[in-house]
Amino acid sequence: MVKPSGFLNEHLDEKVELLLKDGSTIEGTLIGYDDHMNLVLEDSEEKKKDKHRRIGTIVLRGNNVVTINPA
């Protein structure tokens, strides 16, 4: 099993896809995180059902993230 901090370190400056509690997904480049798994993404895009929205740089609270996958 991979520890979350190890996974995040391996994928810094890479594209990741996040599934959020509300069912939406966000894809962007992971540029930072902290001990609470708050994440900083840049060039991000939100996907909700058939809608896509360009967000840019975003900070996500760790408790809103369900899964993190390499994109």
PDB file of N, CA and C in Angstrom:
ATOM      1  N   MET A   1       0.831  -1.181   0.000  1.00  0.00           N
ATOM      2  CA  MET A   1       0.000   0.000   0.000  1.00  0.00           C
ATOM      3  C   MET A   1       0.877   1.246   0.000  1.00  0.00           C
ATOM      4  N   VAL A   2       0.495   2.215  -0.802  1.00  0.00           N
ATOM      5  CA  VAL A   2       1.247   3.461  -0.924  1.00  0.00           C
ATOM      6  C   VAL A   2       0.664   4.479   0.048  1.00  0.00           C
ATOM      7  N   LYS A   3       1.534   5.128   0.821  1.00  0.00           N
ATOM      8  CA  LYS A   3       1.079   6.181   1.722  1.00  0.00           C
ATOM      9  C   LYS A   3       0.679   7.405   0.894  1.00  0.00           C
ATOM     10  N   PRO A   4      -0.323   8.153   1.365  1.00  0.00           N
ATOM     11  CA  PRO A   4      -0.760   9.320   0.590  1.00  0.00           C
ATOM     12  C   PRO A   4       0.351  10.319   0.303  1.00  0.00           C
ATOM     13  N   SER A   5       1.206  10.601   1.292  1.00  0.00           N
ATOM     14  CA  SER A   5       2.270  11.581   1.058  1.00  0.00           C
ATOM     15  C   SER A   5       3.265  11.070   0.021  1.00  0.00           C
ATOM     16  N   GLY A   6       3.530   9.765   0.006  1.00  0.00           N
ATOM     17  CA  GLY A   6       4.422   9.193  -1.003  1.00  0.00           C
ATOM     18  C   GLY A   6       3.833   9.317  -2.390  1.00  0.00           C
ATOM     19  N   PHE A   7       2.542   9.037  -2.507  1.00  0.00           N
ATOM     20  CA  PHE A   7       1.850   9.154  -3.795  1.00  0.00           C
ATOM     21  C   PHE A   7       1.894  10.602  -4.279  1.00  0.00           C
ATOM     22  N   LEU A   8       1.596  11.537  -3.375  1.00  0.00           N
ATOM     23  CA  LEU A   8       1.573  12.943  -3.765  1.00  0.00           C
ATOM     24  C   LEU A   8       2.961  13.424  -4.174  1.00  0.00           C
ATOM     25  N   ASN A   9       4.002  12.992  -3.451  1.00  0.00           N
ATOM     26  CA  ASN A   9       5.378  13.364  -3.827  1.00  0.00           C
ATOM     27  C   ASN A   9       5.733  12.839  -5.205  1.00  0.00           C
ATOM     28  N   GLU A  10       5.331  11.605  -5.502  1.00  0.00           N
ATOM     29  CA  GLU A  10       5.639  11.000  -6.803  1.00  0.00           C
ATOM     30  C   GLU A  10       4.953  11.726  -7.951  1.00  0.00           C
ATOM     31  N   HIS A  11       3.821  12.362  -7.674  1.00  0.00           N
ATOM     32  CA  HIS A  11       3.032  12.967  -8.745  1.00  0.00           C
ATOM     33  C   HIS A  11       3.021  14.493  -8.723  1.00  0.00           C
ATOM     34  N   LEU A  12       3.947  15.096  -7.973  1.00  0.00           N
ATOM     35  CA  LEU A  12       4.074  16.555  -8.036  1.00  0.00           C
ATOM     36  C   LEU A  12       4.457  16.969  -9.450  1.00  0.00           C
ATOM     37  N   ASP A  13       3.893  18.060  -9.911  1.00  0.00           N
ATOM     38  CA  ASP A  13       4.115  18.595 -11.266  1.00  0.00           C
ATOM     39  C   ASP A  13       3.612  17.655 -12.348  1.00  0.00           C
ATOM     40  N   GLU A  14       2.653  16.810 -12.018  1.00  0.00           N
ATOM     41  CA  GLU A  14       2.024  15.915 -12.997  1.00  0.00           C
ATOM     42  C   GLU A  14       0.510  16.112 -12.948  1.00  0.00           C
ATOM     43  N   LYS A  15      -0.156  15.693 -14.019  1.00  0.00           N
ATOM     44  CA  LYS A  15      -1.612  15.763 -14.079  1.00  0.00           C
ATOM     45  C   LYS A  15      -2.222  14.706 -13.172  1.00  0.00           C
ATOM     46  N   VAL A  16      -3.220  15.119 -12.387  1.00  0.00           N
ATOM     47  CA  VAL A  16      -3.982  14.201 -11.545  1.00  0.00           C
ATOM     48  C   VAL A  16      -5.464  14.467 -11.753  1.00  0.00           C
ATOM     49  N   GLU A  17      -6.267  13.455 -11.466  1.00  0.00           N
ATOM     50  CA  GLU A  17      -7.717  13.589 -11.534  1.00  0.00           C
ATOM     51  C   GLU A  17      -8.272  13.298 -10.151  1.00  0.00           C
ATOM     52  N   LEU A  18      -9.104  14.200  -9.646  1.00  0.00           N
ATOM     53  CA  LEU A  18      -9.676  14.071  -8.319  1.00  0.00           C
ATOM     54  C   LEU A  18     -11.177  13.837  -8.420  1.00  0.00           C
ATOM     55  N   LEU A  19     -11.685  12.913  -7.625  1.00  0.00           N
ATOM     56  CA  LEU A  19     -13.121  12.748  -7.465  1.00  0.00           C
ATOM     57  C   LEU A  19     -13.482  13.427  -6.151  1.00  0.00           C
ATOM     58  N   LEU A  20     -14.450  14.343  -6.199  1.00  0.00           N
ATOM     59  CA  LEU A  20     -14.852  15.089  -5.017  1.00  0.00           C
ATOM     60  C   LEU A  20     -16.135  14.509  -4.422  1.00  0.00           C
ATOM     61  N   LYS A  21     -16.423  14.872  -3.179  1.00  0.00           N
ATOM     62  CA  LYS A  21     -17.603  14.364  -2.477  1.00  0.00           C
ATOM     63  C   LYS A  21     -18.900  14.662  -3.203  1.00  0.00           C
ATOM     64  N   ASP A  22     -18.963  15.778  -3.917  1.00  0.00           N
ATOM     65  CA  ASP A  22     -20.202  16.139  -4.622  1.00  0.00           C
ATOM     66  C   ASP A  22     -20.381  15.397  -5.939  1.00  0.00           C
ATOM     67  N   GLY A  23     -19.444  14.504  -6.276  1.00  0.00           N
ATOM     68  CA  GLY A  23     -19.546  13.707  -7.494  1.00  0.00           C
ATOM     69  C   GLY A  23     -18.842  14.312  -8.693  1.00  0.00           C
ATOM     70  N   SER A  24     -18.370  15.530  -8.583  1.00  0.00           N
ATOM     71  CA  SER A  24     -17.659  16.143  -9.700  1.00  0.00           C
ATOM     72  C   SER A  24     -16.209  15.678  -9.707  1.00  0.00           C
ATOM     73  N   THR A  25     -15.556  15.863 -10.838  1.00  0.00           N
ATOM     74  CA  THR A  25     -14.137  15.544 -10.942  1.00  0.00           C
ATOM     75  C   THR A  25     -13.382  16.812 -11.333  1.00  0.00           C
ATOM     76  N   ILE A  26     -12.154  16.897 -10.863  1.00  0.00           N
ATOM     77  CA  ILE A  26     -11.279  18.004 -11.225  1.00  0.00           C
ATOM     78  C   ILE A  26      -9.975  17.409 -11.709  1.00  0.00           C
ATOM     79  N   GLU A  27      -9.531  17.890 -12.849  1.00  0.00           N
ATOM     80  CA  GLU A  27      -8.257  17.452 -13.404  1.00  0.00           C
ATOM     81  C   GLU A  27      -7.343  18.660 -13.505  1.00  0.00           C
ATOM     82  N   GLY A  28      -6.105  18.490 -13.052  1.00  0.00           N
ATOM     83  CA  GLY A  28      -5.146  19.579 -13.116  1.00  0.00           C
ATOM     84  C   GLY A  28      -3.760  19.104 -12.730  1.00  0.00           C
ATOM     85  N   THR A  29      -2.815  20.009 -12.756  1.00  0.00           N
ATOM     86  CA  THR A  29      -1.433  19.708 -12.407  1.00  0.00           C
ATOM     87  C   THR A  29      -1.235  19.954 -10.917  1.00  0.00           C
ATOM     88  N   LEU A  30      -0.811  18.913 -10.201  1.00  0.00           N
ATOM     89  CA  LEU A  30      -0.577  19.007  -8.765  1.00  0.00           C
ATOM     90  C   LEU A  30       0.722  19.768  -8.520  1.00  0.00           C
ATOM     91  N   ILE A  31       0.625  20.918  -7.853  1.00  0.00           N
ATOM     92  CA  ILE A  31       1.840  21.699  -7.603  1.00  0.00           C
ATOM     93  C   ILE A  31       2.170  21.820  -6.118  1.00  0.00           C
ATOM     94  N   GLY A  32       1.261  21.354  -5.240  1.00  0.00           N
ATOM     95  CA  GLY A  32       1.570  21.420  -3.822  1.00  0.00           C
ATOM     96  C   GLY A  32       0.505  20.747  -2.972  1.00  0.00           C
ATOM     97  N   TYR A  33       0.874  20.436  -1.724  1.00  0.00           N
ATOM     98  CA  TYR A  33      -0.038  19.839  -0.754  1.00  0.00           C
ATOM     99  C   TYR A  33       0.526  20.057   0.638  1.00  0.00           C
ATOM    100  N   ASP A  34      -0.302  19.799   1.669  1.00  0.00           N
ATOM    101  CA  ASP A  34       0.170  19.901   3.040  1.00  0.00           C
ATOM    102  C   ASP A  34      -0.196  18.639   3.818  1.00  0.00           C
ATOM    103  N   ASP A  35       0.055  18.643   5.125  1.00  0.00           N
ATOM    104  CA  ASP A  35      -0.186  17.459   5.963  1.00  0.00           C
ATOM    105  C   ASP A  35      -1.657  17.072   6.042  1.00  0.00           C
ATOM    106  N   HIS A  36      -2.561  18.014   5.782  1.00  0.00           N
ATOM    107  CA  HIS A  36      -3.999  17.732   5.829  1.00  0.00           C
ATOM    108  C   HIS A  36      -4.525  17.295   4.463  1.00  0.00           C
ATOM    109  N   MET A  37      -3.631  17.089   3.524  1.00  0.00           N
ATOM    110  CA  MET A  37      -3.941  16.737   2.142  1.00  0.00           C
ATOM    111  C   MET A  37      -4.744  17.820   1.434  1.00  0.00           C
ATOM    112  N   ASN A  38      -4.609  19.071   1.871  1.00  0.00           N
ATOM    113  CA  ASN A  38      -5.102  20.187   1.069  1.00  0.00           C
ATOM    114  C   ASN A  38      -4.218  20.229  -0.171  1.00  0.00           C
ATOM    115  N   LEU A  39      -4.811  20.393  -1.327  1.00  0.00           N
ATOM    116  CA  LEU A  39      -4.076  20.285  -2.582  1.00  0.00           C
ATOM    117  C   LEU A  39      -4.119  21.596  -3.350  1.00  0.00           C
ATOM    118  N   VAL A  40      -3.042  21.885  -4.051  1.00  0.00           N
ATOM    119  CA  VAL A  40      -2.989  23.038  -4.946  1.00  0.00           C
ATOM    120  C   VAL A  40      -2.801  22.502  -6.354  1.00  0.00           C
ATOM    121  N   LEU A  41      -3.733  22.850  -7.239  1.00  0.00           N
ATOM    122  CA  LEU A  41      -3.674  22.438  -8.642  1.00  0.00           C
ATOM    123  C   LEU A  41      -3.641  23.679  -9.513  1.00  0.00           C
ATOM    124  N   GLU A  42      -2.936  23.586 -10.622  1.00  0.00           N
ATOM    125  CA  GLU A  42      -2.998  24.667 -11.605  1.00  0.00           C
ATOM    126  C   GLU A  42      -3.436  24.087 -12.938  1.00  0.00           C
ATOM    127  N   ASP A  43      -3.872  24.968 -13.825  1.00  0.00           N
ATOM    128  CA  ASP A  43      -4.435  24.565 -15.127  1.00  0.00           C
ATOM    129  C   ASP A  43      -5.541  23.531 -14.924  1.00  0.00           C
ATOM    130  N   SER A  44      -6.402  23.766 -13.947  1.00  0.00           N
ATOM    131  CA  SER A  44      -7.413  22.765 -13.608  1.00  0.00           C
ATOM    132  C   SER A  44      -8.722  23.001 -14.347  1.00  0.00           C
ATOM    133  N   GLU A  45      -9.474  21.910 -14.461  1.00  0.00           N
ATOM    134  CA  GLU A  45     -10.760  21.920 -15.147  1.00  0.00           C
ATOM    135  C   GLU A  45     -11.733  21.060 -14.348  1.00  0.00           C
ATOM    136  N   GLU A  46     -12.940  21.579 -14.126  1.00  0.00           N
ATOM    137  CA  GLU A  46     -13.974  20.838 -13.403  1.00  0.00           C
ATOM    138  C   GLU A  46     -14.901  20.167 -14.404  1.00  0.00           C
ATOM    139  N   LYS A  47     -15.236  18.914 -14.118  1.00  0.00           N
ATOM    140  CA  LYS A  47     -16.153  18.163 -14.970  1.00  0.00           C
ATOM    141  C   LYS A  47     -17.317  17.700 -14.107  1.00  0.00           C
ATOM    142  N   LYS A  48     -18.506  18.170 -14.459  1.00  0.00           N
ATOM    143  CA  LYS A  48     -19.724  17.810 -13.743  1.00  0.00           C
ATOM    144  C   LYS A  48     -20.746  17.372 -14.770  1.00  0.00           C
ATOM    145  N   LYS A  49     -21.071  16.093 -14.773  1.00  0.00           N
ATOM    146  CA  LYS A  49     -21.986  15.517 -15.767  1.00  0.00           C
ATOM    147  C   LYS A  49     -21.490  15.871 -17.161  1.00  0.00           C
ATOM    148  N   ASP A  50     -22.243  16.640 -17.932  1.00  0.00           N
ATOM    149  CA  ASP A  50     -21.823  16.991 -19.297  1.00  0.00           C
ATOM    150  C   ASP A  50     -21.194  18.371 -19.393  1.00  0.00           C
ATOM    151  N   LYS A  51     -20.983  19.025 -18.254  1.00  0.00           N
ATOM    152  CA  LYS A  51     -20.438  20.376 -18.252  1.00  0.00           C
ATOM    153  C   LYS A  51     -18.958  20.360 -17.899  1.00  0.00           C
ATOM    154  N   HIS A  52     -18.207  21.194 -18.593  1.00  0.00           N
ATOM    155  CA  HIS A  52     -16.780  21.372 -18.316  1.00  0.00           C
ATOM    156  C   HIS A  52     -16.553  22.854 -18.036  1.00  0.00           C
ATOM    157  N   ARG A  53     -15.775  23.117 -16.983  1.00  0.00           N
ATOM    158  CA  ARG A  53     -15.500  24.506 -16.625  1.00  0.00           C
ATOM    159  C   ARG A  53     -14.019  24.654 -16.325  1.00  0.00           C
ATOM    160  N   ARG A  54     -13.389  25.603 -16.986  1.00  0.00           N
ATOM    161  CA  ARG A  54     -11.970  25.898 -16.769  1.00  0.00           C
ATOM    162  C   ARG A  54     -11.847  26.707 -15.486  1.00  0.00           C
ATOM    163  N   ILE A  55     -10.988  26.266 -14.553  1.00  0.00           N
ATOM    164  CA  ILE A  55     -10.852  26.940 -13.272  1.00  0.00           C
ATOM    165  C   ILE A  55      -9.520  27.671 -13.155  1.00  0.00           C
ATOM    166  N   GLY A  56      -8.444  27.070 -13.620  1.00  0.00           N
ATOM    167  CA  GLY A  56      -7.112  27.666 -13.453  1.00  0.00           C
ATOM    168  C   GLY A  56      -6.463  27.125 -12.196  1.00  0.00           C
ATOM    169  N   THR A  57      -5.904  28.002 -11.367  1.00  0.00           N
ATOM    170  CA  THR A  57      -5.251  27.579 -10.120  1.00  0.00           C
ATOM    171  C   THR A  57      -6.293  27.503  -9.010  1.00  0.00           C
ATOM    172  N   ILE A  58      -6.244  26.408  -8.240  1.00  0.00           N
ATOM    173  CA  ILE A  58      -7.251  26.162  -7.212  1.00  0.00           C
ATOM    174  C   ILE A  58      -6.610  25.485  -6.000  1.00  0.00           C
ATOM    175  N   VAL A  59      -7.142  25.800  -4.817  1.00  0.00           N
ATOM    176  CA  VAL A  59      -6.757  25.120  -3.580  1.00  0.00           C
ATOM    177  C   VAL A  59      -7.965  24.311  -3.127  1.00  0.00           C
ATOM    178  N   LEU A  60      -7.791  23.010  -2.940  1.00  0.00           N
ATOM    179  CA  LEU A  60      -8.875  22.124  -2.513  1.00  0.00           C
ATOM    180  C   LEU A  60      -8.623  21.636  -1.098  1.00  0.00           C
ATOM    181  N   ARG A  61      -9.623  21.720  -0.258  1.00  0.00           N
ATOM    182  CA  ARG A  61      -9.504  21.162   1.080  1.00  0.00           C
ATOM    183  C   ARG A  61      -9.466  19.653   0.983  1.00  0.00           C
ATOM    184  N   GLY A  62      -8.570  19.059   1.744  1.00  0.00           N
ATOM    185  CA  GLY A  62      -8.386  17.611   1.698  1.00  0.00           C
ATOM    186  C   GLY A  62      -9.611  16.810   2.052  1.00  0.00           C
ATOM    187  N   ASN A  63     -10.485  17.344   2.912  1.00  0.00           N
ATOM    188  CA  ASN A  63     -11.666  16.568   3.310  1.00  0.00           C
ATOM    189  C   ASN A  63     -12.740  16.526   2.229  1.00  0.00           C
ATOM    190  N   ASN A  64     -12.586  17.241   1.131  1.00  0.00           N
ATOM    191  CA  ASN A  64     -13.526  17.168   0.009  1.00  0.00           C
ATOM    192  C   ASN A  64     -13.119  16.150  -1.047  1.00  0.00           C
ATOM    193  N   VAL A  65     -11.904  15.624  -0.935  1.00  0.00           N
ATOM    194  CA  VAL A  65     -11.378  14.721  -1.951  1.00  0.00           C
ATOM    195  C   VAL A  65     -11.664  13.275  -1.564  1.00  0.00           C
ATOM    196  N   VAL A  66     -12.262  12.516  -2.501  1.00  0.00           N
ATOM    197  CA  VAL A  66     -12.558  11.106  -2.279  1.00  0.00           C
ATOM    198  C   VAL A  66     -11.425  10.247  -2.821  1.00  0.00           C
ATOM    199  N   THR A  67     -11.016  10.478  -4.064  1.00  0.00           N
ATOM    200  CA  THR A  67      -9.918   9.718  -4.667  1.00  0.00           C
ATOM    201  C   THR A  67      -9.014  10.647  -5.485  1.00  0.00           C
ATOM    202  N   ILE A  68      -7.764  10.207  -5.637  1.00  0.00           N
ATOM    203  CA  ILE A  68      -6.781  10.904  -6.471  1.00  0.00           C
ATOM    204  C   ILE A  68      -6.170   9.858  -7.399  1.00  0.00           C
ATOM    205  N   ASN A  69      -6.208  10.137  -8.700  1.00  0.00           N
ATOM    206  CA  ASN A  69      -5.637   9.223  -9.694  1.00  0.00           C
ATOM    207  C   ASN A  69      -4.719   9.985 -10.640  1.00  0.00           C
ATOM    208  N   PRO A  70      -3.631   9.338 -11.090  1.00  0.00           N
ATOM    209  CA  PRO A  70      -2.819   9.974 -12.134  1.00  0.00           C
ATOM    210  C   PRO A  70      -3.666  10.113 -13.396  1.00  0.00           C
ATOM    211  N   ALA A  71      -3.536  11.212 -14.097  1.00  0.00           N
ATOM    212  CA  ALA A  71      -4.337  11.428 -15.304  1.00  0.00           C
ATOM    213  C   ALA A  71      -3.604  10.998 -16.554  1.00  0.00           C
TER     214      ALA A  71
END
